[in-house]
Amino acid sequence: MIEIEIKPDWVEAAWKKSKAMGRIRHSITKGNGNFAGFLGEEIAKDYLGVESENTYDYDLIADGIKYDVKTKRCTSRPSTKYDCTIYAYNTKQKCDRYLFVRIGYVDKSWEELTGKAWILGYYEKEDFTKDARFLKKGSLDGFNKFKVMDDCYNMKICNLKQLNA
């Protein structure tokens, strides 16, 4: 897991992209997660030293590998016991790897952004659905008792592969 200080220019770029995008189809958060998603992409692109591709199928290309960045908000440093999620409708994306990021978010407000983010690791797309736990919409996740909002695949952070610095 790689801890990163969030830079103001990443925040500004993420806000601009989020406002331009609006609400997307299948949005679990009804568009409220757009900013977090774009901020995760800004963090990953800077760390990998690449430019954004920002297609439906993938967000970044590094060393010929297409990454789709998946970002969640959190209120503290992520535990390796926490889950990373891919919703079933996202499994059709044409990427090579999923790259997972968490962003500090306190009191349900970006005004209280902790200034920290974490690149958790990655997993090959073709293996993720085979190796992750499938959860059906409406069920309770047995690990954290979270009510599943849509069919998804969950994998523990400790099972992710780490990026080489």
Protein backbone atom coordinates (compact mmCIF):
# COMPACT_ATOMS: atom_id res chain seq x y z
CA MET A 1 0.00 0.00 0.00
CA ILE A 2 1.38 3.38 -1.02
CA GLU A 3 0.40 6.47 1.00
CA ILE A 4 0.26 9.72 -0.98
CA GLU A 5 -0.30 13.36 -0.05
CA ILE A 6 -3.07 14.80 -2.20
CA LYS A 7 -1.93 17.77 -4.32
CA PRO A 8 -4.21 20.79 -4.87
CA ASP A 9 -3.85 20.60 -8.66
CA TRP A 10 -5.20 17.02 -8.59
CA VAL A 11 -8.23 18.23 -6.63
CA GLU A 12 -8.84 21.07 -9.09
CA ALA A 13 -8.57 18.76 -12.12
CA ALA A 14 -10.90 16.20 -10.49
CA TRP A 15 -13.54 18.86 -9.73
CA LYS A 16 -13.47 20.10 -13.33
CA LYS A 17 -13.84 16.59 -14.77
CA SER A 18 -16.57 15.70 -12.27
CA LYS A 19 -18.66 18.76 -13.07
CA ALA A 20 -18.25 18.19 -16.82
CA MET A 21 -19.34 14.55 -16.53
CA GLY A 22 -22.50 14.95 -14.44
CA ARG A 23 -24.36 11.85 -13.32
CA ILE A 24 -23.44 8.60 -15.07
CA ARG A 25 -25.60 5.55 -15.68
CA HIS A 26 -25.40 2.82 -12.99
CA SER A 27 -23.97 5.29 -10.47
CA ILE A 28 -24.37 3.74 -7.02
CA THR A 29 -23.84 7.18 -5.44
CA LYS A 30 -26.05 8.99 -8.01
CA GLY A 31 -23.04 10.90 -9.34
CA ASN A 32 -21.64 11.90 -5.95
CA GLY A 33 -18.64 9.59 -6.39
CA ASN A 34 -17.47 11.22 -9.63
CA PHE A 35 -15.08 13.54 -7.83
CA ALA A 36 -13.51 10.67 -5.87
CA GLY A 37 -13.16 8.62 -9.05
CA PHE A 38 -11.45 11.41 -10.95
CA LEU A 39 -9.21 12.24 -7.98
CA GLY A 40 -8.17 8.57 -7.82
CA GLU A 41 -7.28 8.74 -11.51
CA GLU A 42 -5.22 11.92 -10.98
CA ILE A 43 -3.33 10.25 -8.13
CA ALA A 44 -2.66 7.07 -10.14
CA LYS A 45 -1.61 8.91 -13.30
CA ASP A 46 0.87 11.03 -11.35
CA TYR A 47 2.30 8.03 -9.52
CA LEU A 48 2.67 6.02 -12.75
CA GLY A 49 3.95 9.04 -14.70
CA VAL A 50 1.38 8.72 -17.50
CA GLU A 51 -1.45 10.76 -19.03
CA SER A 52 -5.16 10.05 -18.59
CA GLU A 53 -6.91 8.13 -21.33
CA ASN A 54 -10.35 8.46 -19.69
CA THR A 55 -12.32 6.04 -21.84
CA TYR A 56 -15.25 3.88 -20.75
CA ASP A 57 -13.00 0.81 -20.80
CA TYR A 58 -9.89 2.13 -19.04
CA ASP A 59 -8.41 5.27 -17.48
CA LEU A 60 -4.63 4.97 -17.92
CA ILE A 61 -2.02 3.11 -19.96
CA ALA A 62 1.35 2.41 -18.34
CA ASP A 63 3.97 0.25 -20.07
CA GLY A 64 1.30 -0.93 -22.52
CA ILE A 65 -1.01 -2.08 -19.69
CA LYS A 66 -4.54 -0.61 -19.61
CA TYR A 67 -5.67 0.25 -16.07
CA ASP A 68 -9.17 1.02 -14.90
CA VAL A 69 -8.84 2.94 -11.62
CA LYS A 70 -11.42 2.10 -8.94
CA THR A 71 -11.64 4.56 -6.05
CA LYS A 72 -13.45 4.49 -2.71
CA ARG A 73 -13.67 7.10 0.01
CA CYS A 74 -12.54 6.27 3.55
CA THR A 75 -12.32 7.94 6.94
CA SER A 76 -9.02 6.39 8.06
CA ARG A 77 -5.99 4.56 6.73
CA PRO A 78 -7.37 1.45 4.97
CA SER A 79 -6.87 -1.88 6.66
CA THR A 80 -5.60 -4.72 4.48
CA LYS A 81 -8.72 -6.60 5.68
CA TYR A 82 -10.98 -4.11 3.86
CA ASP A 83 -12.51 -4.97 0.49
CA CYS A 84 -12.04 -3.63 -3.00
CA THR A 85 -15.13 -3.84 -5.18
CA ILE A 86 -15.89 -4.31 -8.85
CA TYR A 87 -19.58 -4.08 -9.72
CA ALA A 88 -20.76 -6.81 -12.06
CA TYR A 89 -21.71 -4.32 -14.77
CA ASN A 90 -18.07 -3.12 -14.86
CA THR A 91 -16.68 -6.54 -15.75
CA LYS A 92 -17.30 -5.85 -19.45
CA GLN A 93 -14.74 -3.06 -19.55
CA LYS A 94 -11.77 -3.75 -21.84
CA CYS A 95 -8.91 -3.12 -19.45
CA ASP A 96 -5.99 -5.33 -18.43
CA ARG A 97 -5.94 -4.49 -14.72
CA TYR A 98 -8.01 -2.86 -12.04
CA LEU A 99 -6.03 -0.40 -9.89
CA PHE A 100 -7.55 0.37 -6.50
CA VAL A 101 -7.27 3.71 -4.67
CA ARG A 102 -8.73 5.01 -1.39
CA ILE A 103 -9.13 8.71 -0.59
CA GLY A 104 -9.50 10.28 2.83
CA TYR A 105 -13.02 11.66 3.34
CA VAL A 106 -14.23 12.88 6.74
CA ASP A 107 -17.76 13.77 7.94
CA LYS A 108 -19.21 13.19 4.44
CA SER A 109 -17.53 16.37 3.24
CA TRP A 110 -14.71 17.08 0.82
CA GLU A 111 -14.16 20.25 2.85
CA GLU A 112 -12.67 17.94 5.46
CA LEU A 113 -10.45 16.07 3.02
CA THR A 114 -7.71 14.46 5.10
CA GLY A 115 -5.06 15.20 2.50
CA LYS A 116 -4.15 11.52 2.22
CA ALA A 117 -4.78 8.85 -0.36
CA TRP A 118 -3.60 5.29 -0.75
CA ILE A 119 -2.81 3.28 -3.85
CA LEU A 120 -3.83 -0.14 -2.58
CA GLY A 121 -2.62 -2.31 -5.45
CA TYR A 122 -3.92 -3.91 -8.61
CA TYR A 123 -5.36 -7.16 -9.91
CA GLU A 124 -5.62 -8.58 -13.41
CA LYS A 125 -9.12 -8.15 -14.81
CA GLU A 126 -9.29 -11.68 -16.24
CA ASP A 127 -8.58 -13.17 -12.79
CA PHE A 128 -10.53 -10.81 -10.55
CA THR A 129 -13.98 -12.37 -10.99
CA LYS A 130 -12.52 -15.87 -10.54
CA ASP A 131 -10.62 -15.00 -7.36
CA ALA A 132 -13.01 -12.51 -5.70
CA ARG A 133 -16.19 -13.18 -3.68
CA PHE A 134 -19.42 -12.66 -5.63
CA LEU A 135 -22.16 -10.83 -3.75
CA LYS A 136 -25.77 -10.50 -4.93
CA LYS A 137 -27.65 -7.19 -4.76
CA GLY A 138 -29.51 -6.85 -1.46
CA SER A 139 -27.42 -9.44 0.38
CA LEU A 140 -25.34 -8.65 3.46
CA ASP A 141 -21.61 -8.99 3.10
CA GLY A 142 -20.64 -11.51 5.78
CA PHE A 143 -17.37 -9.74 6.54
CA ASN A 144 -18.55 -6.18 7.21
CA LYS A 145 -22.38 -6.50 7.24
CA PHE A 146 -22.65 -3.95 4.40
CA LYS A 147 -25.87 -4.26 2.39
CA VAL A 148 -24.79 -4.82 -1.21
CA MET A 149 -26.18 -2.10 -3.53
CA ASP A 150 -25.74 -4.09 -6.75
CA ASP A 151 -24.22 -7.41 -7.84
CA CYS A 152 -20.48 -7.17 -7.25
CA TYR A 153 -17.18 -8.91 -6.66
CA ASN A 154 -15.18 -8.14 -3.50
CA MET A 155 -11.55 -8.88 -2.76
CA LYS A 156 -9.49 -8.09 0.34
CA ILE A 157 -6.79 -5.44 -0.05
CA CYS A 158 -4.23 -7.95 1.25
CA ASN A 159 -4.86 -10.08 -1.87
CA LEU A 160 -3.96 -7.30 -4.31
CA LYS A 161 -0.64 -7.13 -6.14
CA GLN A 162 1.63 -4.18 -5.42
CA LEU A 163 2.93 -1.71 -7.98
CA ASN A 164 6.69 -1.46 -8.35
CA ALA A 165 7.92 2.00 -7.41
